[in-house]
């Protein structure tokens, strides 16, 4: 039986089950506060991995740069949505 969980999207190294790795994901979650346990709990409804990296490649990632890039994407989507809404109103 293979013990390979995934492959690093940067260097191609096999990522074994039980090995640390870095993944960039999109989660759809349901979050609630549970009074009896005095904590917040989340149920993952859907998870989509975009990038999977071995521990070594993952440590080299500039998370500040990734954050900036995601913010640029979100700003672009917001402006695109606003333009679409203006176009619909003008039709």
C-alpha atoms as a PDB file:
ATOM      1  CA  UNK A   1       0.000   0.000   0.000  1.00  0.00           C
ATOM      2  CA  UNK A   2       1.326   3.432  -0.912  1.00  0.00           C
ATOM      3  CA  UNK A   3       1.870   5.814   1.958  1.00  0.00           C
ATOM      4  CA  UNK A   4       1.699   8.900  -0.294  1.00  0.00           C
ATOM      5  CA  UNK A   5      -0.945  11.458   0.664  1.00  0.00           C
ATOM      6  CA  UNK A   6      -0.219  14.028  -2.042  1.00  0.00           C
ATOM      7  CA  UNK A   7       2.552  15.614  -4.092  1.00  0.00           C
ATOM      8  CA  UNK A   8       4.157  19.028  -3.568  1.00  0.00           C
ATOM      9  CA  UNK A   9       2.890  21.414  -6.243  1.00  0.00           C
ATOM     10  CA  UNK A  10       6.226  23.275  -6.237  1.00  0.00           C
ATOM     11  CA  UNK A  11       9.013  20.678  -6.111  1.00  0.00           C
ATOM     12  CA  UNK A  12       7.107  17.469  -6.929  1.00  0.00           C
ATOM     13  CA  UNK A  13       8.172  15.647  -3.735  1.00  0.00           C
ATOM     14  CA  UNK A  14       5.778  13.017  -2.398  1.00  0.00           C
ATOM     15  CA  UNK A  15       4.020  14.061   0.800  1.00  0.00           C
ATOM     16  CA  UNK A  16       3.551  11.026   3.019  1.00  0.00           C
ATOM     17  CA  UNK A  17       0.668  10.481   5.411  1.00  0.00           C
ATOM     18  CA  UNK A  18       1.679  11.842   8.814  1.00  0.00           C
ATOM     19  CA  UNK A  19       4.175  14.366   7.406  1.00  0.00           C
ATOM     20  CA  UNK A  20       3.678  18.087   7.973  1.00  0.00           C
ATOM     21  CA  UNK A  21       2.686  20.015   4.882  1.00  0.00           C
ATOM     22  CA  UNK A  22       1.238  23.399   3.903  1.00  0.00           C
ATOM     23  CA  UNK A  23      -2.000  23.709   1.993  1.00  0.00           C
ATOM     24  CA  UNK A  24      -3.906  26.685   0.651  1.00  0.00           C
ATOM     25  CA  UNK A  25      -7.595  25.950   0.788  1.00  0.00           C
ATOM     26  CA  UNK A  26     -11.042  27.401   0.411  1.00  0.00           C
ATOM     27  CA  UNK A  27     -13.336  26.321   3.248  1.00  0.00           C
ATOM     28  CA  UNK A  28     -17.069  26.716   3.403  1.00  0.00           C
ATOM     29  CA  UNK A  29     -17.852  26.577   7.116  1.00  0.00           C
ATOM     30  CA  UNK A  30     -20.686  26.862   9.568  1.00  0.00           C
ATOM     31  CA  UNK A  31     -19.420  28.476  12.788  1.00  0.00           C
ATOM     32  CA  UNK A  32     -21.299  28.733  16.058  1.00  0.00           C
ATOM     33  CA  UNK A  33     -20.583  29.551  19.674  1.00  0.00           C
ATOM     34  CA  UNK A  34     -21.411  26.675  22.053  1.00  0.00           C
ATOM     35  CA  UNK A  35     -22.256  28.067  25.519  1.00  0.00           C
ATOM     36  CA  UNK A  36     -22.025  24.721  27.318  1.00  0.00           C
ATOM     37  CA  UNK A  37     -18.424  24.304  26.164  1.00  0.00           C
ATOM     38  CA  UNK A  38     -17.589  28.023  26.252  1.00  0.00           C
ATOM     39  CA  UNK A  39     -15.981  27.879  22.806  1.00  0.00           C
ATOM     40  CA  UNK A  40     -16.513  28.395  19.120  1.00  0.00           C
ATOM     41  CA  UNK A  41     -16.934  25.327  16.927  1.00  0.00           C
ATOM     42  CA  UNK A  42     -16.841  25.061  13.160  1.00  0.00           C
ATOM     43  CA  UNK A  43     -18.273  22.463  10.836  1.00  0.00           C
ATOM     44  CA  UNK A  44     -16.555  22.264   7.462  1.00  0.00           C
ATOM     45  CA  UNK A  45     -19.182  21.910   4.760  1.00  0.00           C
ATOM     46  CA  UNK A  46     -16.771  21.880   1.833  1.00  0.00           C
ATOM     47  CA  UNK A  47     -12.992  22.097   1.489  1.00  0.00           C
ATOM     48  CA  UNK A  48     -11.106  22.669  -1.742  1.00  0.00           C
ATOM     49  CA  UNK A  49      -7.297  22.528  -1.816  1.00  0.00           C
ATOM     50  CA  UNK A  50      -5.746  24.973  -4.266  1.00  0.00           C
ATOM     51  CA  UNK A  51      -2.079  24.355  -3.524  1.00  0.00           C
ATOM     52  CA  UNK A  52      -0.358  21.589  -1.564  1.00  0.00           C
ATOM     53  CA  UNK A  53       3.285  22.061  -0.557  1.00  0.00           C
ATOM     54  CA  UNK A  54       5.779  19.897   1.293  1.00  0.00           C
ATOM     55  CA  UNK A  55       6.960  21.326   4.609  1.00  0.00           C
ATOM     56  CA  UNK A  56      10.186  22.707   3.132  1.00  0.00           C
ATOM     57  CA  UNK A  57       8.509  24.548   0.242  1.00  0.00           C
ATOM     58  CA  UNK A  58       5.697  25.696   2.527  1.00  0.00           C
ATOM     59  CA  UNK A  59       8.127  27.293   4.976  1.00  0.00           C
ATOM     60  CA  UNK A  60       9.576  29.359   2.115  1.00  0.00           C
ATOM     61  CA  UNK A  61       6.209  30.892   1.191  1.00  0.00           C
ATOM     62  CA  UNK A  62       5.902  34.631   1.791  1.00  0.00           C
ATOM     63  CA  UNK A  63       2.501  34.726   3.516  1.00  0.00           C
ATOM     64  CA  UNK A  64       2.398  38.535   3.445  1.00  0.00           C
ATOM     65  CA  UNK A  65       2.701  38.425  -0.342  1.00  0.00           C
ATOM     66  CA  UNK A  66      -0.023  35.764  -0.601  1.00  0.00           C
ATOM     67  CA  UNK A  67      -2.295  37.918   1.574  1.00  0.00           C
ATOM     68  CA  UNK A  68      -1.702  40.955  -0.656  1.00  0.00           C
ATOM     69  CA  UNK A  69      -2.421  38.913  -3.776  1.00  0.00           C
ATOM     70  CA  UNK A  70      -5.687  37.591  -2.357  1.00  0.00           C
ATOM     71  CA  UNK A  71      -6.728  41.129  -1.409  1.00  0.00           C
ATOM     72  CA  UNK A  72      -6.036  42.326  -4.968  1.00  0.00           C
ATOM     73  CA  UNK A  73      -8.199  39.506  -6.315  1.00  0.00           C
ATOM     74  CA  UNK A  74     -11.030  40.405  -3.911  1.00  0.00           C
ATOM     75  CA  UNK A  75     -10.818  44.101  -4.846  1.00  0.00           C
ATOM     76  CA  UNK A  76     -10.987  43.171  -8.523  1.00  0.00           C
ATOM     77  CA  UNK A  77     -14.027  40.957  -7.912  1.00  0.00           C
ATOM     78  CA  UNK A  78     -15.768  43.725  -5.943  1.00  0.00           C
ATOM     79  CA  UNK A  79     -15.193  46.266  -8.715  1.00  0.00           C
ATOM     80  CA  UNK A  80     -16.341  43.739 -11.331  1.00  0.00           C
ATOM     81  CA  UNK A  81     -19.501  43.045  -9.291  1.00  0.00           C
ATOM     82  CA  UNK A  82     -20.172  46.790  -8.944  1.00  0.00           C
ATOM     83  CA  UNK A  83     -19.741  47.310 -12.699  1.00  0.00           C
ATOM     84  CA  UNK A  84     -22.072  44.379 -13.423  1.00  0.00           C
ATOM     85  CA  UNK A  85     -24.686  45.828 -11.072  1.00  0.00           C
ATOM     86  CA  UNK A  86     -24.437  49.264 -12.732  1.00  0.00           C
ATOM     87  CA  UNK A  87     -24.822  47.656 -16.155  1.00  0.00           C
ATOM     88  CA  UNK A  88     -27.937  45.754 -15.037  1.00  0.00           C
ATOM     89  CA  UNK A  89     -29.517  48.949 -13.676  1.00  0.00           C
ATOM     90  CA  UNK A  90     -28.847  50.770 -16.966  1.00  0.00           C
ATOM     91  CA  UNK A  91     -30.478  48.080 -19.119  1.00  0.00           C
END
